[in-house]
Amino acid sequence: MDRLFLLIKPDVAAHEPQVVYRLGQAGFKLFNRRRTILTNEQASEFFNDWAQDPDFGELISYVTSGPVVALALQRHDGFAELRKVVGNGDEEDTESLRRKYAPDELRNGFHISETPESVERDLRLFFPDTPVHPPPTSDDAKMTLETTVYPTLLQGLTQLCKEKPANPTAWLGTWLLDNNPNKPRVEEPAPIPTA
């Protein structure tokens, strides 16, 4: 499962619902979205790789001219499919988002982060409070279930069968909260006797 980053530039930001719908049709899962107006400093940091380009100043003016929409996406084979859906605006590229919304090569409507490293960088920039770590693989999830969840749940269900409470669901919920292996145990010191 690839994590992806797509920036919708100002001239296309008004079409955000249509773009998100098209991405959903193509199998992309949206896990975060942010609409913002970039400052010159933020735009220069984001597009730093193009700083030597002769059109860099025009690019910065363009992306700071209105709101942009940052989209954090997921999909299997995501990088290739996102490039296909967004497209490059060529004449034969009739179904792509760029062909539909982008007026020219500079105002191309979208920015795609092309590598996992650039995705992480861009996610940190636009979503600083969102964990950037990739989702666990199925093997990781299975290992967590087998080593942590199942043993704790088995202990709780065994205790439930021994005690046979009147409301088993509420009892099990309370037991799980009280016996959560990830919950720190704090023991209060014994009171000091006063003389």
C-alpha atoms as a PDB file:
ATOM      1  CA  MET A   1       0.000   0.000   0.000  1.00  0.00           C
ATOM      2  CA  ASP A   2       1.565   3.280  -1.108  1.00  0.00           C
ATOM      3  CA  ARG A   3       1.082   6.535   0.758  1.00  0.00           C
ATOM      4  CA  LEU A   4       0.847   9.441  -1.646  1.00  0.00           C
ATOM      5  CA  PHE A   5       0.730  13.214  -1.640  1.00  0.00           C
ATOM      6  CA  LEU A   6      -1.085  15.369  -4.175  1.00  0.00           C
ATOM      7  CA  LEU A   7      -1.241  19.159  -4.102  1.00  0.00           C
ATOM      8  CA  ILE A   8      -4.104  20.793  -5.968  1.00  0.00           C
ATOM      9  CA  LYS A   9      -2.874  24.201  -7.096  1.00  0.00           C
ATOM     10  CA  PRO A  10      -4.930  27.437  -6.912  1.00  0.00           C
ATOM     11  CA  ASP A  11      -6.529  27.354 -10.373  1.00  0.00           C
ATOM     12  CA  VAL A  12      -7.923  23.856  -9.729  1.00  0.00           C
ATOM     13  CA  ALA A  13      -8.709  24.192  -5.992  1.00  0.00           C
ATOM     14  CA  ALA A  14     -12.301  25.221  -6.804  1.00  0.00           C
ATOM     15  CA  HIS A  15     -12.742  21.790  -8.419  1.00  0.00           C
ATOM     16  CA  GLU A  16     -11.635  19.922  -5.284  1.00  0.00           C
ATOM     17  CA  PRO A  17     -14.873  17.875  -4.938  1.00  0.00           C
ATOM     18  CA  GLN A  18     -14.657  16.660  -8.536  1.00  0.00           C
ATOM     19  CA  VAL A  19     -10.954  15.824  -8.181  1.00  0.00           C
ATOM     20  CA  VAL A  20     -11.515  13.894  -4.931  1.00  0.00           C
ATOM     21  CA  TYR A  21     -14.445  12.043  -6.524  1.00  0.00           C
ATOM     22  CA  ARG A  22     -12.310  11.079  -9.552  1.00  0.00           C
ATOM     23  CA  LEU A  23      -9.508   9.860  -7.268  1.00  0.00           C
ATOM     24  CA  GLY A  24     -12.027   7.793  -5.289  1.00  0.00           C
ATOM     25  CA  GLN A  25     -13.291   6.235  -8.526  1.00  0.00           C
ATOM     26  CA  ALA A  26      -9.702   5.272  -9.329  1.00  0.00           C
ATOM     27  CA  GLY A  27      -9.366   3.420  -6.005  1.00  0.00           C
ATOM     28  CA  PHE A  28      -7.521   6.026  -3.943  1.00  0.00           C
ATOM     29  CA  LYS A  29      -8.361   6.332  -0.245  1.00  0.00           C
ATOM     30  CA  LEU A  30      -8.211   9.845   1.158  1.00  0.00           C
ATOM     31  CA  PHE A  31      -6.822   9.873   4.706  1.00  0.00           C
ATOM     32  CA  ASN A  32      -6.207  13.596   5.165  1.00  0.00           C
ATOM     33  CA  ARG A  33      -7.048  16.847   3.426  1.00  0.00           C
ATOM     34  CA  ARG A  34      -6.055  20.449   4.068  1.00  0.00           C
ATOM     35  CA  ARG A  35      -7.008  23.666   2.277  1.00  0.00           C
ATOM     36  CA  THR A  36      -4.592  26.529   2.893  1.00  0.00           C
ATOM     37  CA  ILE A  37      -2.993  29.578   1.329  1.00  0.00           C
ATOM     38  CA  LEU A  38       0.780  29.254   1.121  1.00  0.00           C
ATOM     39  CA  THR A  39       3.092  32.085   2.051  1.00  0.00           C
ATOM     40  CA  ASN A  40       6.043  32.841  -0.234  1.00  0.00           C
ATOM     41  CA  GLU A  41       8.339  31.179   2.318  1.00  0.00           C
ATOM     42  CA  GLN A  42       6.216  28.011   2.534  1.00  0.00           C
ATOM     43  CA  ALA A  43       5.947  27.791  -1.254  1.00  0.00           C
ATOM     44  CA  SER A  44       9.696  28.332  -1.684  1.00  0.00           C
ATOM     45  CA  GLU A  45      10.405  25.580   0.862  1.00  0.00           C
ATOM     46  CA  PHE A  46       7.921  23.206  -0.773  1.00  0.00           C
ATOM     47  CA  PHE A  47       9.211  23.803  -4.334  1.00  0.00           C
ATOM     48  CA  ASN A  48      12.876  24.088  -3.300  1.00  0.00           C
ATOM     49  CA  ASP A  49      13.891  21.432  -5.855  1.00  0.00           C
ATOM     50  CA  TRP A  50      12.926  23.884  -8.628  1.00  0.00           C
ATOM     51  CA  ALA A  51      14.774  26.878  -7.158  1.00  0.00           C
ATOM     52  CA  GLN A  52      17.241  26.991 -10.105  1.00  0.00           C
ATOM     53  CA  ASP A  53      14.461  26.896 -12.710  1.00  0.00           C
ATOM     54  CA  PRO A  54      14.104  30.173 -14.644  1.00  0.00           C
ATOM     55  CA  ASP A  55      10.334  30.112 -13.993  1.00  0.00           C
ATOM     56  CA  PHE A  56      10.722  29.608 -10.202  1.00  0.00           C
ATOM     57  CA  GLY A  57       9.525  33.125  -9.319  1.00  0.00           C
ATOM     58  CA  GLU A  58       6.482  32.725 -11.541  1.00  0.00           C
ATOM     59  CA  LEU A  59       5.764  29.306  -9.999  1.00  0.00           C
ATOM     60  CA  ILE A  60       5.880  30.775  -6.469  1.00  0.00           C
ATOM     61  CA  SER A  61       3.592  33.647  -7.497  1.00  0.00           C
ATOM     62  CA  TYR A  62       1.190  31.152  -9.041  1.00  0.00           C
ATOM     63  CA  VAL A  63       0.969  28.780  -6.047  1.00  0.00           C
ATOM     64  CA  THR A  64       0.563  31.663  -3.578  1.00  0.00           C
ATOM     65  CA  SER A  65      -2.155  33.365  -5.639  1.00  0.00           C
ATOM     66  CA  GLY A  66      -4.992  31.479  -3.932  1.00  0.00           C
ATOM     67  CA  PRO A  67      -5.844  28.429  -1.861  1.00  0.00           C
ATOM     68  CA  VAL A  68      -4.178  25.085  -2.468  1.00  0.00           C
ATOM     69  CA  VAL A  69      -5.513  21.721  -1.323  1.00  0.00           C
ATOM     70  CA  ALA A  70      -3.141  19.104   0.072  1.00  0.00           C
ATOM     71  CA  LEU A  71      -4.391  15.521  -0.210  1.00  0.00           C
ATOM     72  CA  ALA A  72      -2.874  12.552   1.615  1.00  0.00           C
ATOM     73  CA  LEU A  73      -3.854   9.373  -0.239  1.00  0.00           C
ATOM     74  CA  GLN A  74      -3.317   5.599  -0.152  1.00  0.00           C
ATOM     75  CA  ARG A  75      -3.527   2.958  -2.867  1.00  0.00           C
ATOM     76  CA  HIS A  76      -1.797  -0.222  -4.009  1.00  0.00           C
ATOM     77  CA  ASP A  77       0.510   0.620  -6.936  1.00  0.00           C
ATOM     78  CA  GLY A  78      -0.307   4.210  -6.093  1.00  0.00           C
ATOM     79  CA  PHE A  79       2.591   6.114  -7.658  1.00  0.00           C
ATOM     80  CA  ALA A  80       2.031   4.795 -11.195  1.00  0.00           C
ATOM     81  CA  GLU A  81      -1.748   5.059 -10.950  1.00  0.00           C
ATOM     82  CA  LEU A  82      -1.654   8.621  -9.568  1.00  0.00           C
ATOM     83  CA  ARG A  83       0.594   9.710 -12.447  1.00  0.00           C
ATOM     84  CA  LYS A  84      -1.871   8.091 -14.834  1.00  0.00           C
ATOM     85  CA  VAL A  85      -4.979   9.721 -13.275  1.00  0.00           C
ATOM     86  CA  VAL A  86      -3.381  13.165 -12.966  1.00  0.00           C
ATOM     87  CA  GLY A  87      -1.650  12.806 -16.332  1.00  0.00           C
ATOM     88  CA  ASN A  88       0.698  15.239 -18.004  1.00  0.00           C
ATOM     89  CA  GLY A  89      -1.836  17.214 -20.058  1.00  0.00           C
ATOM     90  CA  ASP A  90      -0.893  15.798 -23.458  1.00  0.00           C
ATOM     91  CA  GLU A  91      -3.462  15.891 -26.259  1.00  0.00           C
ATOM     92  CA  GLU A  92      -3.842  12.091 -26.243  1.00  0.00           C
ATOM     93  CA  ASP A  93      -4.292  12.185 -22.472  1.00  0.00           C
ATOM     94  CA  THR A  94      -8.039  12.893 -22.752  1.00  0.00           C
ATOM     95  CA  GLU A  95      -9.191  11.432 -19.399  1.00  0.00           C
ATOM     96  CA  SER A  96      -6.559  12.908 -17.092  1.00  0.00           C
ATOM     97  CA  LEU A  97      -7.184  15.586 -14.478  1.00  0.00           C
ATOM     98  CA  ARG A  98      -4.525  17.859 -15.986  1.00  0.00           C
ATOM     99  CA  ARG A  99      -6.100  17.637 -19.417  1.00  0.00           C
ATOM    100  CA  LYS A 100      -9.457  18.572 -17.912  1.00  0.00           C
ATOM    101  CA  TYR A 101      -8.406  21.366 -15.522  1.00  0.00           C
ATOM    102  CA  ALA A 102      -4.875  22.643 -16.267  1.00  0.00           C
ATOM    103  CA  PRO A 103      -4.632  25.596 -18.671  1.00  0.00           C
ATOM    104  CA  ASP A 104      -0.902  25.333 -19.517  1.00  0.00           C
ATOM    105  CA  GLU A 105       2.444  23.779 -18.583  1.00  0.00           C
ATOM    106  CA  LEU A 106       3.240  26.245 -15.778  1.00  0.00           C
ATOM    107  CA  ARG A 107      -0.291  26.350 -14.413  1.00  0.00           C
ATOM    108  CA  ASN A 108      -0.542  22.573 -14.554  1.00  0.00           C
ATOM    109  CA  GLY A 109      -2.996  22.337 -11.660  1.00  0.00           C
ATOM    110  CA  PHE A 110      -1.292  19.631  -9.613  1.00  0.00           C
ATOM    111  CA  HIS A 111       1.898  18.593  -7.892  1.00  0.00           C
ATOM    112  CA  ILE A 112       2.601  14.895  -7.259  1.00  0.00           C
ATOM    113  CA  SER A 113       5.253  13.767  -4.792  1.00  0.00           C
ATOM    114  CA  GLU A 114       7.127  11.193  -6.860  1.00  0.00           C
ATOM    115  CA  THR A 115       9.003   9.130  -4.244  1.00  0.00           C
ATOM    116  CA  PRO A 116       8.235   7.710  -0.782  1.00  0.00           C
ATOM    117  CA  GLU A 117      10.831  10.110   0.681  1.00  0.00           C
ATOM    118  CA  SER A 118       9.233  13.165  -0.910  1.00  0.00           C
ATOM    119  CA  VAL A 119       5.791  11.964   0.222  1.00  0.00           C
ATOM    120  CA  GLU A 120       7.031  11.807   3.836  1.00  0.00           C
ATOM    121  CA  ARG A 121       8.572  15.282   3.554  1.00  0.00           C
ATOM    122  CA  ASP A 122       5.414  16.782   2.052  1.00  0.00           C
ATOM    123  CA  LEU A 123       3.114  15.059   4.554  1.00  0.00           C
ATOM    124  CA  ARG A 124       5.213  16.494   7.403  1.00  0.00           C
ATOM    125  CA  LEU A 125       5.027  19.953   5.856  1.00  0.00           C
ATOM    126  CA  PHE A 126       1.247  19.996   5.318  1.00  0.00           C
ATOM    127  CA  PHE A 127       0.101  17.651   8.097  1.00  0.00           C
ATOM    128  CA  PRO A 128       2.587  18.112  10.957  1.00  0.00           C
ATOM    129  CA  ASP A 129       0.238  16.501  13.517  1.00  0.00           C
ATOM    130  CA  THR A 130      -0.405  13.376  11.449  1.00  0.00           C
ATOM    131  CA  PRO A 131       1.896  10.357  11.848  1.00  0.00           C
ATOM    132  CA  VAL A 132       3.851   9.805   8.654  1.00  0.00           C
ATOM    133  CA  HIS A 133       4.771   6.193   9.334  1.00  0.00           C
ATOM    134  CA  PRO A 134       3.358   3.791   6.775  1.00  0.00           C
ATOM    135  CA  PRO A 135       0.460   1.604   7.844  1.00  0.00           C
ATOM    136  CA  PRO A 136       1.458  -1.812   9.173  1.00  0.00           C
ATOM    137  CA  THR A 137       1.730  -4.672   6.735  1.00  0.00           C
ATOM    138  CA  SER A 138      -0.609  -7.615   7.160  1.00  0.00           C
ATOM    139  CA  ASP A 139       2.283  -9.604   8.699  1.00  0.00           C
ATOM    140  CA  ASP A 140       2.904  -6.802  11.231  1.00  0.00           C
ATOM    141  CA  ALA A 141      -0.785  -6.642  12.105  1.00  0.00           C
ATOM    142  CA  LYS A 142      -0.961 -10.420  12.494  1.00  0.00           C
ATOM    143  CA  MET A 143       2.067 -10.417  14.785  1.00  0.00           C
ATOM    144  CA  THR A 144       0.552  -7.651  16.955  1.00  0.00           C
ATOM    145  CA  LEU A 145      -2.709  -9.573  17.220  1.00  0.00           C
ATOM    146  CA  GLU A 146      -0.966 -12.827  18.117  1.00  0.00           C
ATOM    147  CA  THR A 147       1.487 -11.379  20.634  1.00  0.00           C
ATOM    148  CA  THR A 148      -0.577  -8.671  22.320  1.00  0.00           C
ATOM    149  CA  VAL A 149      -4.290  -8.701  21.589  1.00  0.00           C
ATOM    150  CA  TYR A 150      -5.130 -12.404  21.605  1.00  0.00           C
ATOM    151  CA  PRO A 151      -3.365 -13.278  24.906  1.00  0.00           C
ATOM    152  CA  THR A 152      -4.987 -10.355  26.748  1.00  0.00           C
ATOM    153  CA  LEU A 153      -8.407 -11.105  25.274  1.00  0.00           C
ATOM    154  CA  LEU A 154      -8.043 -14.804  26.125  1.00  0.00           C
ATOM    155  CA  GLN A 155      -7.258 -13.947  29.758  1.00  0.00           C
ATOM    156  CA  GLY A 156     -10.276 -11.651  29.911  1.00  0.00           C
ATOM    157  CA  LEU A 157     -12.636 -14.194  28.369  1.00  0.00           C
ATOM    158  CA  THR A 158     -11.334 -16.916  30.712  1.00  0.00           C
ATOM    159  CA  GLN A 159     -11.934 -14.691  33.724  1.00  0.00           C
ATOM    160  CA  LEU A 160     -15.385 -13.790  32.346  1.00  0.00           C
ATOM    161  CA  CYS A 161     -16.315 -17.485  32.193  1.00  0.00           C
ATOM    162  CA  LYS A 162     -15.134 -18.018  35.772  1.00  0.00           C
ATOM    163  CA  GLU A 163     -17.017 -15.034  37.230  1.00  0.00           C
ATOM    164  CA  LYS A 164     -20.202 -15.210  35.085  1.00  0.00           C
ATOM    165  CA  PRO A 165     -21.277 -11.581  35.697  1.00  0.00           C
ATOM    166  CA  ALA A 166     -24.838 -10.362  35.064  1.00  0.00           C
ATOM    167  CA  ASN A 167     -23.700  -7.985  32.289  1.00  0.00           C
ATOM    168  CA  PRO A 168     -20.820  -9.792  30.530  1.00  0.00           C
ATOM    169  CA  THR A 169     -20.206  -7.112  27.901  1.00  0.00           C
ATOM    170  CA  ALA A 170     -19.785  -4.290  30.431  1.00  0.00           C
ATOM    171  CA  TRP A 171     -17.706  -6.556  32.699  1.00  0.00           C
ATOM    172  CA  LEU A 172     -15.350  -7.515  29.837  1.00  0.00           C
ATOM    173  CA  GLY A 173     -15.001  -3.883  28.757  1.00  0.00           C
ATOM    174  CA  THR A 174     -14.037  -2.844  32.280  1.00  0.00           C
ATOM    175  CA  TRP A 175     -11.673  -5.819  32.651  1.00  0.00           C
ATOM    176  CA  LEU A 176      -9.920  -4.949  29.366  1.00  0.00           C
ATOM    177  CA  LEU A 177      -9.502  -1.323  30.419  1.00  0.00           C
ATOM    178  CA  ASP A 178      -8.122  -2.357  33.808  1.00  0.00           C
ATOM    179  CA  ASN A 179      -5.776  -4.995  32.351  1.00  0.00           C
ATOM    180  CA  ASN A 180      -4.555  -3.200  29.218  1.00  0.00           C
ATOM    181  CA  PRO A 181      -0.882  -4.259  28.829  1.00  0.00           C
ATOM    182  CA  ASN A 182      -0.064  -0.870  27.245  1.00  0.00           C
ATOM    183  CA  LYS A 183      -1.513   1.103  30.138  1.00  0.00           C
ATOM    184  CA  PRO A 184       1.126   2.198  32.619  1.00  0.00           C
ATOM    185  CA  ARG A 185       0.591   0.857  36.100  1.00  0.00           C
ATOM    186  CA  VAL A 186       0.932   3.441  38.800  1.00  0.00           C
ATOM    187  CA  GLU A 187       1.057   2.258  42.357  1.00  0.00           C
ATOM    188  CA  GLU A 188       0.578   4.856  45.014  1.00  0.00           C
ATOM    189  CA  PRO A 189       3.055   4.598  47.866  1.00  0.00           C
ATOM    190  CA  ALA A 190       1.694   3.480  51.197  1.00  0.00           C
ATOM    191  CA  PRO A 191       0.739   6.375  53.436  1.00  0.00           C
ATOM    192  CA  ILE A 192       3.382   7.385  55.893  1.00  0.00           C
ATOM    193  CA  PRO A 193       2.145   6.810  59.439  1.00  0.00           C
ATOM    194  CA  THR A 194       1.988   9.959  61.481  1.00  0.00           C
ATOM    195  CA  ALA A 195       3.177   9.806  65.062  1.00  0.00           C
END
